[in-house]
Amino acid sequence: MKKTGPEAKLLVVDDEPNIRELLSTSLRFAGFEVVSAA
């Protein structure tokens, strides 16, 4: 049976909004649940 949930939950922290968004989007696309903070 295939797991349908995320691989893991990750916290992305960066002071640059563009970098945070890029990393968050890439990680979500890879199957991770992402929470971001500045």
N, C-alpha and C. Protein backbone atom coordinates (compact mmCIF):
# COMPACT_ATOMS: atom_id res chain seq x y z
N MET A 1 0.84 -1.18 0.00
CA MET A 1 0.00 0.00 0.00
C MET A 1 0.89 1.24 0.00
N LYS A 2 0.60 2.17 -0.88
CA LYS A 2 1.39 3.39 -1.00
C LYS A 2 0.97 4.42 0.04
N LYS A 3 1.96 5.03 0.67
CA LYS A 3 1.71 6.10 1.64
C LYS A 3 1.24 7.35 0.89
N THR A 4 0.15 7.96 1.35
CA THR A 4 -0.40 9.12 0.64
C THR A 4 -0.06 10.45 1.30
N GLY A 5 0.47 10.43 2.50
CA GLY A 5 0.80 11.67 3.19
C GLY A 5 2.18 12.16 2.83
N PRO A 6 2.58 13.29 3.42
CA PRO A 6 3.89 13.86 3.13
C PRO A 6 5.01 12.99 3.70
N GLU A 7 6.20 13.10 3.10
CA GLU A 7 7.38 12.37 3.57
C GLU A 7 7.75 12.81 4.99
N ALA A 8 7.77 14.12 5.21
CA ALA A 8 8.14 14.69 6.50
C ALA A 8 7.68 16.14 6.53
N LYS A 9 7.68 16.70 7.72
CA LYS A 9 7.37 18.13 7.86
C LYS A 9 8.68 18.87 8.05
N LEU A 10 8.90 19.91 7.23
CA LEU A 10 10.14 20.68 7.29
C LEU A 10 9.86 22.13 7.62
N LEU A 11 10.79 22.75 8.32
CA LEU A 11 10.72 24.17 8.63
C LEU A 11 11.78 24.89 7.80
N VAL A 12 11.34 25.84 6.98
CA VAL A 12 12.25 26.65 6.16
C VAL A 12 12.32 28.03 6.79
N VAL A 13 13.53 28.45 7.17
CA VAL A 13 13.73 29.76 7.80
C VAL A 13 14.76 30.54 7.00
N ASP A 14 14.37 31.72 6.54
CA ASP A 14 15.28 32.60 5.81
C ASP A 14 14.72 34.01 5.87
N ASP A 15 15.61 34.99 5.86
CA ASP A 15 15.14 36.38 5.92
C ASP A 15 14.79 36.94 4.55
N GLU A 16 15.10 36.21 3.48
CA GLU A 16 14.77 36.63 2.12
C GLU A 16 13.48 35.94 1.67
N PRO A 17 12.39 36.70 1.47
CA PRO A 17 11.12 36.09 1.09
C PRO A 17 11.19 35.28 -0.20
N ASN A 18 11.97 35.74 -1.18
CA ASN A 18 12.06 35.00 -2.44
C ASN A 18 12.72 33.63 -2.25
N ILE A 19 13.74 33.57 -1.42
CA ILE A 19 14.43 32.31 -1.15
C ILE A 19 13.50 31.36 -0.40
N ARG A 20 12.81 31.89 0.62
CA ARG A 20 11.84 31.08 1.38
C ARG A 20 10.81 30.46 0.46
N GLU A 21 10.25 31.28 -0.43
CA GLU A 21 9.21 30.81 -1.34
C GLU A 21 9.75 29.76 -2.31
N LEU A 22 10.93 30.00 -2.85
CA LEU A 22 11.54 29.04 -3.78
C LEU A 22 11.78 27.69 -3.10
N LEU A 23 12.38 27.73 -1.92
CA LEU A 23 12.64 26.48 -1.20
C LEU A 23 11.35 25.78 -0.80
N SER A 24 10.39 26.54 -0.29
CA SER A 24 9.12 25.95 0.13
C SER A 24 8.40 25.29 -1.04
N THR A 25 8.35 25.97 -2.17
CA THR A 25 7.69 25.42 -3.36
C THR A 25 8.39 24.15 -3.84
N SER A 26 9.70 24.18 -3.90
CA SER A 26 10.47 23.02 -4.35
C SER A 26 10.26 21.82 -3.43
N LEU A 27 10.29 22.07 -2.13
CA LEU A 27 10.12 20.98 -1.17
C LEU A 27 8.70 20.42 -1.19
N ARG A 28 7.70 21.28 -1.34
CA ARG A 28 6.32 20.79 -1.45
C ARG A 28 6.16 19.92 -2.69
N PHE A 29 6.75 20.35 -3.80
CA PHE A 29 6.70 19.59 -5.04
C PHE A 29 7.35 18.21 -4.87
N ALA A 30 8.37 18.14 -4.01
CA ALA A 30 9.07 16.88 -3.75
C ALA A 30 8.31 16.00 -2.76
N GLY A 31 7.19 16.49 -2.23
CA GLY A 31 6.35 15.67 -1.36
C GLY A 31 6.45 15.95 0.12
N PHE A 32 7.10 17.02 0.49
CA PHE A 32 7.24 17.36 1.90
C PHE A 32 6.17 18.37 2.32
N GLU A 33 5.81 18.31 3.59
CA GLU A 33 4.95 19.34 4.17
C GLU A 33 5.89 20.43 4.68
N VAL A 34 5.61 21.69 4.32
CA VAL A 34 6.55 22.77 4.62
C VAL A 34 5.88 23.86 5.44
N VAL A 35 6.59 24.32 6.47
CA VAL A 35 6.21 25.49 7.25
C VAL A 35 7.37 26.46 7.10
N SER A 36 7.06 27.74 6.84
CA SER A 36 8.15 28.70 6.66
C SER A 36 8.05 29.83 7.67
N ALA A 37 9.22 30.42 7.97
CA ALA A 37 9.30 31.52 8.92
C ALA A 37 10.42 32.45 8.50
N ALA A 38 10.27 33.72 8.91
CA ALA A 38 11.30 34.72 8.58
C ALA A 38 12.24 34.89 9.75
